[in-house]
PDB file of all heavy atoms in Angstrom:
ATOM      1  N   LYS A   1      -0.480  -4.086  -5.746  1.00  0.00           N
ATOM      2  CA  LYS A   1      -0.925  -4.251  -7.163  1.00  0.00           C
ATOM      3  C   LYS A   1      -1.773  -3.203  -7.647  1.00  0.00           C
ATOM      4  O   LYS A   1      -1.879  -2.121  -6.997  1.00  0.00           O
ATOM      5  CB  LYS A   1      -1.706  -5.654  -7.266  1.00  0.00           C
ATOM      6  CG  LYS A   1      -0.784  -6.864  -6.815  1.00  0.00           C
ATOM      7  CD  LYS A   1      -1.546  -8.177  -6.606  1.00  0.00           C
ATOM      8  CE  LYS A   1      -1.825  -8.754  -8.034  1.00  0.00           C
ATOM      9  NZ  LYS A   1      -0.644  -9.315  -8.605  1.00  0.00           N
ATOM     10  N   ASP A   2      -2.355  -3.279  -8.775  1.00  0.00           N
ATOM     11  CA  ASP A   2      -3.036  -2.119  -9.458  1.00  0.00           C
ATOM     12  C   ASP A   2      -4.172  -1.557  -8.568  1.00  0.00           C
ATOM     13  O   ASP A   2      -4.254  -0.235  -8.455  1.00  0.00           O
ATOM     14  CB  ASP A   2      -3.582  -2.620 -10.838  1.00  0.00           C
ATOM     15  CG  ASP A   2      -4.452  -3.795 -10.708  1.00  0.00           C
ATOM     16  OD1 ASP A   2      -4.628  -4.367  -9.592  1.00  0.00           O
ATOM     17  OD2 ASP A   2      -4.948  -4.340 -11.795  1.00  0.00           O
ATOM     18  N   ASN A   3      -4.943  -2.377  -7.848  1.00  0.00           N
ATOM     19  CA  ASN A   3      -6.023  -1.930  -7.068  1.00  0.00           C
ATOM     20  C   ASN A   3      -5.479  -1.002  -5.833  1.00  0.00           C
ATOM     21  O   ASN A   3      -6.161  -0.028  -5.517  1.00  0.00           O
ATOM     22  CB  ASN A   3      -6.878  -3.033  -6.513  1.00  0.00           C
ATOM     23  CG  ASN A   3      -7.705  -3.700  -7.594  1.00  0.00           C
ATOM     24  OD1 ASN A   3      -8.280  -2.929  -8.420  1.00  0.00           O
ATOM     25  ND2 ASN A   3      -7.893  -4.966  -7.589  1.00  0.00           N
ATOM     26  N   HIS A   4      -4.338  -1.467  -5.313  1.00  0.00           N
ATOM     27  CA  HIS A   4      -3.773  -0.686  -4.183  1.00  0.00           C
ATOM     28  C   HIS A   4      -3.378   0.779  -4.722  1.00  0.00           C
ATOM     29  O   HIS A   4      -3.552   1.748  -4.111  1.00  0.00           O
ATOM     30  CB  HIS A   4      -2.556  -1.375  -3.619  1.00  0.00           C
ATOM     31  CG  HIS A   4      -2.904  -2.734  -2.995  1.00  0.00           C
ATOM     32  ND1 HIS A   4      -2.743  -3.815  -3.808  1.00  0.00           N
ATOM     33  CD2 HIS A   4      -3.245  -3.062  -1.850  1.00  0.00           C
ATOM     34  CE1 HIS A   4      -3.045  -4.881  -2.988  1.00  0.00           C
ATOM     35  NE2 HIS A   4      -3.364  -4.477  -1.840  1.00  0.00           N
ATOM     36  N   ILE A   5      -2.730   0.760  -5.893  1.00  0.00           N
ATOM     37  CA  ILE A   5      -2.175   1.931  -6.465  1.00  0.00           C
ATOM     38  C   ILE A   5      -3.291   2.930  -6.894  1.00  0.00           C
ATOM     39  O   ILE A   5      -3.263   4.111  -6.544  1.00  0.00           O
ATOM     40  CB  ILE A   5      -1.221   1.705  -7.665  1.00  0.00           C
ATOM     41  CG1 ILE A   5      -0.049   0.925  -7.071  1.00  0.00           C
ATOM     42  CG2 ILE A   5      -0.846   2.891  -8.333  1.00  0.00           C
ATOM     43  CD1 ILE A   5       0.781   0.174  -8.169  1.00  0.00           C
ATOM     44  N   TRP A   6      -4.328   2.344  -7.516  1.00  0.00           N
ATOM     45  CA  TRP A   6      -5.418   3.207  -7.912  1.00  0.00           C
ATOM     46  C   TRP A   6      -6.127   3.779  -6.654  1.00  0.00           C
ATOM     47  O   TRP A   6      -6.600   4.962  -6.663  1.00  0.00           O
ATOM     48  CB  TRP A   6      -6.460   2.464  -8.715  1.00  0.00           C
ATOM     49  CG  TRP A   6      -5.851   1.911 -10.070  1.00  0.00           C
ATOM     50  CD1 TRP A   6      -4.952   2.493 -10.785  1.00  0.00           C
ATOM     51  CD2 TRP A   6      -6.354   0.835 -10.814  1.00  0.00           C
ATOM     52  NE1 TRP A   6      -4.633   1.730 -11.934  1.00  0.00           N
ATOM     53  CE2 TRP A   6      -5.601   0.687 -11.917  1.00  0.00           C
ATOM     54  CE3 TRP A   6      -7.355  -0.201 -10.602  1.00  0.00           C
ATOM     55  CZ2 TRP A   6      -5.754  -0.316 -12.959  1.00  0.00           C
ATOM     56  CZ3 TRP A   6      -7.564  -1.166 -11.562  1.00  0.00           C
ATOM     57  CH2 TRP A   6      -6.740  -1.182 -12.684  1.00  0.00           C
ATOM     58  N   SER A   7      -6.228   3.064  -5.588  1.00  0.00           N
ATOM     59  CA  SER A   7      -6.977   3.505  -4.411  1.00  0.00           C
ATOM     60  C   SER A   7      -6.221   4.616  -3.619  1.00  0.00           C
ATOM     61  O   SER A   7      -6.795   5.439  -2.971  1.00  0.00           O
ATOM     62  CB  SER A   7      -7.142   2.330  -3.455  1.00  0.00           C
ATOM     63  OG  SER A   7      -7.937   1.358  -4.056  1.00  0.00           O
ATOM     64  N   THR A   8      -4.866   4.563  -3.836  1.00  0.00           N
ATOM     65  CA  THR A   8      -4.089   5.657  -3.139  1.00  0.00           C
ATOM     66  C   THR A   8      -3.634   6.831  -4.011  1.00  0.00           C
ATOM     67  O   THR A   8      -3.251   7.795  -3.490  1.00  0.00           O
ATOM     68  CB  THR A   8      -2.803   5.041  -2.507  1.00  0.00           C
ATOM     69  OG1 THR A   8      -2.130   4.274  -3.505  1.00  0.00           O
ATOM     70  CG2 THR A   8      -3.199   4.145  -1.342  1.00  0.00           C
ATOM     71  N   GLY A   9      -3.781   6.612  -5.339  1.00  0.00           N
ATOM     72  CA  GLY A   9      -3.497   7.747  -6.294  1.00  0.00           C
ATOM     73  C   GLY A   9      -2.138   7.577  -6.963  1.00  0.00           C
ATOM     74  O   GLY A   9      -1.968   8.160  -8.056  1.00  0.00           O
ATOM     75  N   SER A  10      -1.214   6.939  -6.390  1.00  0.00           N
ATOM     76  CA  SER A  10       0.069   6.810  -7.042  1.00  0.00           C
ATOM     77  C   SER A  10       0.888   5.698  -6.445  1.00  0.00           C
ATOM     78  O   SER A  10       0.669   5.219  -5.364  1.00  0.00           O
ATOM     79  CB  SER A  10       0.881   8.095  -7.009  1.00  0.00           C
ATOM     80  OG  SER A  10       1.393   8.386  -5.709  1.00  0.00           O
ATOM     81  N   ILE A  11       1.883   5.210  -7.131  1.00  0.00           N
ATOM     82  CA  ILE A  11       2.790   4.187  -6.677  1.00  0.00           C
ATOM     83  C   ILE A  11       3.587   4.783  -5.361  1.00  0.00           C
ATOM     84  O   ILE A  11       3.680   4.058  -4.440  1.00  0.00           O
ATOM     85  CB  ILE A  11       3.786   3.730  -7.741  1.00  0.00           C
ATOM     86  CG1 ILE A  11       3.056   2.882  -8.870  1.00  0.00           C
ATOM     87  CG2 ILE A  11       4.885   2.955  -7.186  1.00  0.00           C
ATOM     88  CD1 ILE A  11       3.907   2.561 -10.072  1.00  0.00           C
ATOM     89  N   THR A  12       3.994   5.973  -5.532  1.00  0.00           N
ATOM     90  CA  THR A  12       4.812   6.470  -4.406  1.00  0.00           C
ATOM     91  C   THR A  12       3.950   6.672  -3.115  1.00  0.00           C
ATOM     92  O   THR A  12       4.444   6.296  -2.075  1.00  0.00           O
ATOM     93  CB  THR A  12       5.292   7.975  -4.895  1.00  0.00           C
ATOM     94  OG1 THR A  12       6.125   7.782  -6.099  1.00  0.00           O
ATOM     95  CG2 THR A  12       6.062   8.536  -3.759  1.00  0.00           C
ATOM     96  N   ALA A  13       2.721   7.099  -3.279  1.00  0.00           N
ATOM     97  CA  ALA A  13       1.843   7.213  -2.144  1.00  0.00           C
ATOM     98  C   ALA A  13       1.545   5.882  -1.542  1.00  0.00           C
ATOM     99  O   ALA A  13       1.506   5.686  -0.283  1.00  0.00           O
ATOM    100  CB  ALA A  13       0.570   7.878  -2.538  1.00  0.00           C
ATOM    101  N   ALA A  14       1.335   4.771  -2.331  1.00  0.00           N
ATOM    102  CA  ALA A  14       1.010   3.514  -1.919  1.00  0.00           C
ATOM    103  C   ALA A  14       2.231   2.863  -1.076  1.00  0.00           C
ATOM    104  O   ALA A  14       2.113   2.327  -0.037  1.00  0.00           O
ATOM    105  CB  ALA A  14       0.665   2.566  -3.059  1.00  0.00           C
ATOM    106  N   ILE A  15       3.401   3.120  -1.639  1.00  0.00           N
ATOM    107  CA  ILE A  15       4.670   2.603  -0.994  1.00  0.00           C
ATOM    108  C   ILE A  15       4.839   3.374   0.330  1.00  0.00           C
ATOM    109  O   ILE A  15       5.173   2.719   1.351  1.00  0.00           O
ATOM    110  CB  ILE A  15       5.901   2.768  -1.930  1.00  0.00           C
ATOM    111  CG1 ILE A  15       5.744   1.749  -3.100  1.00  0.00           C
ATOM    112  CG2 ILE A  15       7.188   2.505  -1.107  1.00  0.00           C
ATOM    113  CD1 ILE A  15       6.921   1.976  -4.080  1.00  0.00           C
ATOM    114  N   LYS A  16       4.613   4.611   0.371  1.00  0.00           N
ATOM    115  CA  LYS A  16       4.797   5.440   1.606  1.00  0.00           C
ATOM    116  C   LYS A  16       3.896   4.881   2.670  1.00  0.00           C
ATOM    117  O   LYS A  16       4.357   4.679   3.895  1.00  0.00           O
ATOM    118  CB  LYS A  16       4.602   6.890   1.303  1.00  0.00           C
ATOM    119  CG  LYS A  16       4.879   7.756   2.608  1.00  0.00           C
ATOM    120  CD  LYS A  16       4.651   9.217   2.158  1.00  0.00           C
ATOM    121  CE  LYS A  16       4.940  10.181   3.455  1.00  0.00           C
ATOM    122  NZ  LYS A  16       4.699  11.526   3.124  1.00  0.00           N
ATOM    123  N   GLN A  17       2.633   4.677   2.400  1.00  0.00           N
ATOM    124  CA  GLN A  17       1.664   4.200   3.308  1.00  0.00           C
ATOM    125  C   GLN A  17       1.968   2.800   3.854  1.00  0.00           C
ATOM    126  O   GLN A  17       1.949   2.519   5.091  1.00  0.00           O
ATOM    127  CB  GLN A  17       0.268   4.248   2.803  1.00  0.00           C
ATOM    128  CG  GLN A  17      -0.360   5.617   2.633  1.00  0.00           C
ATOM    129  CD  GLN A  17      -1.873   5.599   2.228  1.00  0.00           C
ATOM    130  OE1 GLN A  17      -2.525   4.780   2.723  1.00  0.00           O
ATOM    131  NE2 GLN A  17      -2.144   6.538   1.327  1.00  0.00           N
ATOM    132  N   ALA A  18       2.365   1.914   2.884  1.00  0.00           N
ATOM    133  CA  ALA A  18       2.759   0.574   3.286  1.00  0.00           C
ATOM    134  C   ALA A  18       3.963   0.501   4.191  1.00  0.00           C
ATOM    135  O   ALA A  18       3.968  -0.254   5.196  1.00  0.00           O
ATOM    136  CB  ALA A  18       2.987  -0.281   2.012  1.00  0.00           C
ATOM    137  N   ARG A  19       4.973   1.272   3.863  1.00  0.00           N
ATOM    138  CA  ARG A  19       6.271   1.350   4.727  1.00  0.00           C
ATOM    139  C   ARG A  19       5.932   1.873   6.103  1.00  0.00           C
ATOM    140  O   ARG A  19       6.476   1.390   7.109  1.00  0.00           O
ATOM    141  CB  ARG A  19       7.230   2.322   4.107  1.00  0.00           C
ATOM    142  CG  ARG A  19       7.942   1.786   2.886  1.00  0.00           C
ATOM    143  CD  ARG A  19       8.859   0.575   3.252  1.00  0.00           C
ATOM    144  NE  ARG A  19       9.658   0.167   2.138  1.00  0.00           N
ATOM    145  CZ  ARG A  19      10.164  -1.027   1.996  1.00  0.00           C
ATOM    146  NH1 ARG A  19      10.005  -1.938   2.933  1.00  0.00           N
ATOM    147  NH2 ARG A  19      11.046  -1.278   0.941  1.00  0.00           N
ATOM    148  N   SER A  20       4.960   2.752   6.236  1.00  0.00           N
ATOM    149  CA  SER A  20       4.639   3.319   7.672  1.00  0.00           C
ATOM    150  C   SER A  20       4.128   2.282   8.545  1.00  0.00           C
ATOM    151  O   SER A  20       4.238   2.469   9.762  1.00  0.00           O
ATOM    152  CB  SER A  20       3.597   4.511   7.355  1.00  0.00           C
ATOM    153  OG  SER A  20       2.334   3.971   7.091  1.00  0.00           O
ATOM    154  N   VAL A  21       3.507   1.184   7.997  1.00  0.00           N
ATOM    155  CA  VAL A  21       2.928   0.122   8.964  1.00  0.00           C
ATOM    156  C   VAL A  21       3.716  -1.091   8.875  1.00  0.00           C
ATOM    157  O   VAL A  21       3.822  -1.915   9.837  1.00  0.00           O
ATOM    158  CB  VAL A  21       1.447  -0.100   8.624  1.00  0.00           C
ATOM    159  CG1 VAL A  21       0.604   1.113   9.088  1.00  0.00           C
ATOM    160  CG2 VAL A  21       1.238  -0.436   7.148  1.00  0.00           C
ATOM    161  N   GLY A  22       4.327  -1.388   7.731  1.00  0.00           N
ATOM    162  CA  GLY A  22       5.130  -2.625   7.549  1.00  0.00           C
ATOM    163  C   GLY A  22       6.415  -2.674   8.159  1.00  0.00           C
ATOM    164  O   GLY A  22       6.957  -3.734   8.479  1.00  0.00           O
ATOM    165  N   GLY A  23       6.980  -1.453   8.322  1.00  0.00           N
ATOM    166  CA  GLY A  23       8.313  -1.372   8.900  1.00  0.00           C
ATOM    167  C   GLY A  23       9.425  -1.929   8.129  1.00  0.00           C
ATOM    168  O   GLY A  23       9.338  -2.222   6.914  1.00  0.00           O
ATOM    169  N   PHE A  24      10.652  -2.213   8.812  1.00  0.00           N
ATOM    170  CA  PHE A  24      11.869  -2.644   8.074  1.00  0.00           C
ATOM    171  C   PHE A  24      11.815  -4.132   7.720  1.00  0.00           C
ATOM    172  O   PHE A  24      12.614  -4.582   6.957  1.00  0.00           O
ATOM    173  CB  PHE A  24      13.044  -2.280   8.831  1.00  0.00           C
ATOM    174  CG  PHE A  24      13.276  -3.177  10.174  1.00  0.00           C
ATOM    175  CD1 PHE A  24      13.896  -4.309  10.110  1.00  0.00           C
ATOM    176  CD2 PHE A  24      12.697  -2.706  11.317  1.00  0.00           C
ATOM    177  CE1 PHE A  24      14.073  -5.145  11.146  1.00  0.00           C
ATOM    178  CE2 PHE A  24      12.773  -3.544  12.484  1.00  0.00           C
ATOM    179  CZ  PHE A  24      13.525  -4.737  12.398  1.00  0.00           C
ATOM    180  N   SER A  25      11.057  -4.950   8.390  1.00  0.00           N
ATOM    181  CA  SER A  25      11.175  -6.327   8.334  1.00  0.00           C
ATOM    182  C   SER A  25      10.427  -7.049   7.216  1.00  0.00           C
ATOM    183  O   SER A  25      10.682  -8.232   6.983  1.00  0.00           O
ATOM    184  CB  SER A  25      10.740  -7.011   9.727  1.00  0.00           C
ATOM    185  OG  SER A  25       9.395  -6.834   9.885  1.00  0.00           O
ATOM    186  N   LEU A  26       9.598  -6.284   6.605  1.00  0.00           N
ATOM    187  CA  LEU A  26       8.854  -6.898   5.402  1.00  0.00           C
ATOM    188  C   LEU A  26       9.331  -6.284   4.115  1.00  0.00           C
ATOM    189  O   LEU A  26       9.454  -5.137   3.866  1.00  0.00           O
ATOM    190  CB  LEU A  26       7.319  -6.581   5.592  1.00  0.00           C
ATOM    191  CG  LEU A  26       6.629  -7.212   6.647  1.00  0.00           C
ATOM    192  CD1 LEU A  26       5.032  -6.758   6.720  1.00  0.00           C
ATOM    193  CD2 LEU A  26       6.581  -8.763   6.372  1.00  0.00           C
ATOM    194  N   LEU A  27       9.542  -7.207   3.129  1.00  0.00           N
ATOM    195  CA  LEU A  27       9.844  -6.836   1.762  1.00  0.00           C
ATOM    196  C   LEU A  27       8.618  -6.227   1.117  1.00  0.00           C
ATOM    197  O   LEU A  27       7.511  -6.573   1.477  1.00  0.00           O
ATOM    198  CB  LEU A  27      10.310  -8.021   0.996  1.00  0.00           C
ATOM    199  CG  LEU A  27      11.742  -8.519   1.362  1.00  0.00           C
ATOM    200  CD1 LEU A  27      12.034  -9.790   0.571  1.00  0.00           C
ATOM    201  CD2 LEU A  27      12.814  -7.570   1.209  1.00  0.00           C
ATOM    202  N   LEU A  28       8.886  -5.362   0.138  1.00  0.00           N
ATOM    203  CA  LEU A  28       7.747  -4.681  -0.562  1.00  0.00           C
ATOM    204  C   LEU A  28       7.878  -4.891  -1.999  1.00  0.00           C
ATOM    205  O   LEU A  28       8.851  -4.515  -2.643  1.00  0.00           O
ATOM    206  CB  LEU A  28       7.762  -3.163  -0.171  1.00  0.00           C
ATOM    207  CG  LEU A  28       6.505  -2.434  -0.436  1.00  0.00           C
ATOM    208  CD1 LEU A  28       6.520  -1.071   0.465  1.00  0.00           C
ATOM    209  CD2 LEU A  28       6.217  -2.077  -1.879  1.00  0.00           C
ATOM    210  N   ASP A  29       6.844  -5.605  -2.539  1.00  0.00           N
ATOM    211  CA  ASP A  29       6.848  -5.980  -4.013  1.00  0.00           C
ATOM    212  C   ASP A  29       5.735  -5.114  -4.672  1.00  0.00           C
ATOM    213  O   ASP A  29       4.706  -5.076  -4.273  1.00  0.00           O
ATOM    214  CB  ASP A  29       6.513  -7.456  -4.096  1.00  0.00           C
ATOM    215  CG  ASP A  29       6.783  -8.042  -5.498  1.00  0.00           C
ATOM    216  OD1 ASP A  29       6.792  -7.263  -6.413  1.00  0.00           O
ATOM    217  OD2 ASP A  29       6.872  -9.241  -5.551  1.00  0.00           O
ATOM    218  N   VAL A  30       6.069  -4.453  -5.754  1.00  0.00           N
ATOM    219  CA  VAL A  30       5.133  -3.537  -6.397  1.00  0.00           C
ATOM    220  C   VAL A  30       4.959  -3.918  -7.819  1.00  0.00           C
ATOM    221  O   VAL A  30       5.957  -4.171  -8.610  1.00  0.00           O
ATOM    222  CB  VAL A  30       5.647  -2.145  -6.400  1.00  0.00           C
ATOM    223  CG1 VAL A  30       4.626  -1.241  -7.105  1.00  0.00           C
ATOM    224  CG2 VAL A  30       5.867  -1.590  -4.924  1.00  0.00           C
ATOM    225  N   GLU A  31       3.721  -4.162  -8.253  1.00  0.00           N
ATOM    226  CA  GLU A  31       3.371  -4.550  -9.542  1.00  0.00           C
ATOM    227  C   GLU A  31       3.314  -3.289 -10.549  1.00  0.00           C
ATOM    228  O   GLU A  31       2.604  -2.374 -10.169  1.00  0.00           O
ATOM    229  CB  GLU A  31       1.967  -5.271  -9.605  1.00  0.00           C
ATOM    230  CG  GLU A  31       1.557  -5.625 -10.977  1.00  0.00           C
ATOM    231  CD  GLU A  31       0.139  -6.217 -10.918  1.00  0.00           C
ATOM    232  OE1 GLU A  31      -0.800  -5.477 -11.019  1.00  0.00           O
ATOM    233  OE2 GLU A  31       0.017  -7.493 -10.847  1.00  0.00           O
ATOM    234  N   VAL A  32       4.019  -3.357 -11.636  1.00  0.00           N
ATOM    235  CA  VAL A  32       3.941  -2.289 -12.591  1.00  0.00           C
ATOM    236  C   VAL A  32       3.697  -2.876 -13.989  1.00  0.00           C
ATOM    237  O   VAL A  32       3.892  -3.979 -14.284  1.00  0.00           O
ATOM    238  CB  VAL A  32       5.294  -1.462 -12.603  1.00  0.00           C
ATOM    239  CG1 VAL A  32       5.584  -0.872 -11.144  1.00  0.00           C
ATOM    240  CG2 VAL A  32       6.460  -2.366 -13.025  1.00  0.00           C
ATOM    241  N   THR A  33       3.342  -1.917 -14.845  1.00  0.00           N
ATOM    242  CA  THR A  33       2.986  -2.325 -16.278  1.00  0.00           C
ATOM    243  C   THR A  33       3.712  -1.627 -17.334  1.00  0.00           C
ATOM    244  O   THR A  33       3.466  -1.744 -18.480  1.00  0.00           O
ATOM    245  CB  THR A  33       1.401  -2.236 -16.554  1.00  0.00           C
ATOM    246  OG1 THR A  33       1.101  -0.882 -16.306  1.00  0.00           O
ATOM    247  CG2 THR A  33       0.671  -3.153 -15.618  1.00  0.00           C
ATOM    248  N   SER A  34       4.666  -0.700 -16.889  1.00  0.00           N
ATOM    249  CA  SER A  34       5.406   0.082 -17.903  1.00  0.00           C
ATOM    250  C   SER A  34       6.781   0.446 -17.289  1.00  0.00           C
ATOM    251  O   SER A  34       7.018   0.366 -16.087  1.00  0.00           O
ATOM    252  CB  SER A  34       4.634   1.419 -18.206  1.00  0.00           C
ATOM    253  OG  SER A  34       4.509   2.266 -17.135  1.00  0.00           O
ATOM    254  N   GLU A  35       7.606   1.001 -18.149  1.00  0.00           N
ATOM    255  CA  GLU A  35       8.964   1.454 -17.767  1.00  0.00           C
ATOM    256  C   GLU A  35       8.822   2.615 -16.662  1.00  0.00           C
ATOM    257  O   GLU A  35       9.462   2.703 -15.696  1.00  0.00           O
ATOM    258  CB  GLU A  35       9.857   1.883 -18.814  1.00  0.00           C
ATOM    259  CG  GLU A  35      11.183   2.386 -18.506  1.00  0.00           C
ATOM    260  CD  GLU A  35      11.994   2.892 -19.732  1.00  0.00           C
ATOM    261  OE1 GLU A  35      11.688   2.424 -20.821  1.00  0.00           O
ATOM    262  OE2 GLU A  35      12.897   3.736 -19.531  1.00  0.00           O
ATOM    263  N   ALA A  36       7.855   3.594 -16.965  1.00  0.00           N
ATOM    264  CA  ALA A  36       7.720   4.706 -16.171  1.00  0.00           C
ATOM    265  C   ALA A  36       7.227   4.278 -14.756  1.00  0.00           C
ATOM    266  O   ALA A  36       7.767   4.919 -13.712  1.00  0.00           O
ATOM    267  CB  ALA A  36       6.713   5.632 -16.756  1.00  0.00           C
ATOM    268  N   GLU A  37       6.369   3.346 -14.684  1.00  0.00           N
ATOM    269  CA  GLU A  37       5.858   2.851 -13.340  1.00  0.00           C
ATOM    270  C   GLU A  37       6.954   2.103 -12.587  1.00  0.00           C
ATOM    271  O   GLU A  37       7.146   2.287 -11.353  1.00  0.00           O
ATOM    272  CB  GLU A  37       4.632   2.011 -13.590  1.00  0.00           C
ATOM    273  CG  GLU A  37       3.372   2.707 -13.953  1.00  0.00           C
ATOM    274  CD  GLU A  37       2.221   1.714 -14.137  1.00  0.00           C
ATOM    275  OE1 GLU A  37       2.464   0.443 -13.965  1.00  0.00           O
ATOM    276  OE2 GLU A  37       1.113   2.210 -14.304  1.00  0.00           O
ATOM    277  N   ALA A  38       7.768   1.346 -13.315  1.00  0.00           N
ATOM    278  CA  ALA A  38       8.882   0.652 -12.699  1.00  0.00           C
ATOM    279  C   ALA A  38       9.870   1.591 -12.126  1.00  0.00           C
ATOM    280  O   ALA A  38      10.359   1.490 -11.078  1.00  0.00           O
ATOM    281  CB  ALA A  38       9.574  -0.202 -13.775  1.00  0.00           C
TER     282      ALA A  38
END
């Protein structure tokens, strides 16, 4: 969500970090507030 993204600097960075520990078995849901973020 917004706090995760602000803390890491970008949506892309947050997703990359989450994937590195979550692996293939967990779905990843990202909250966005605009077309560009989506």
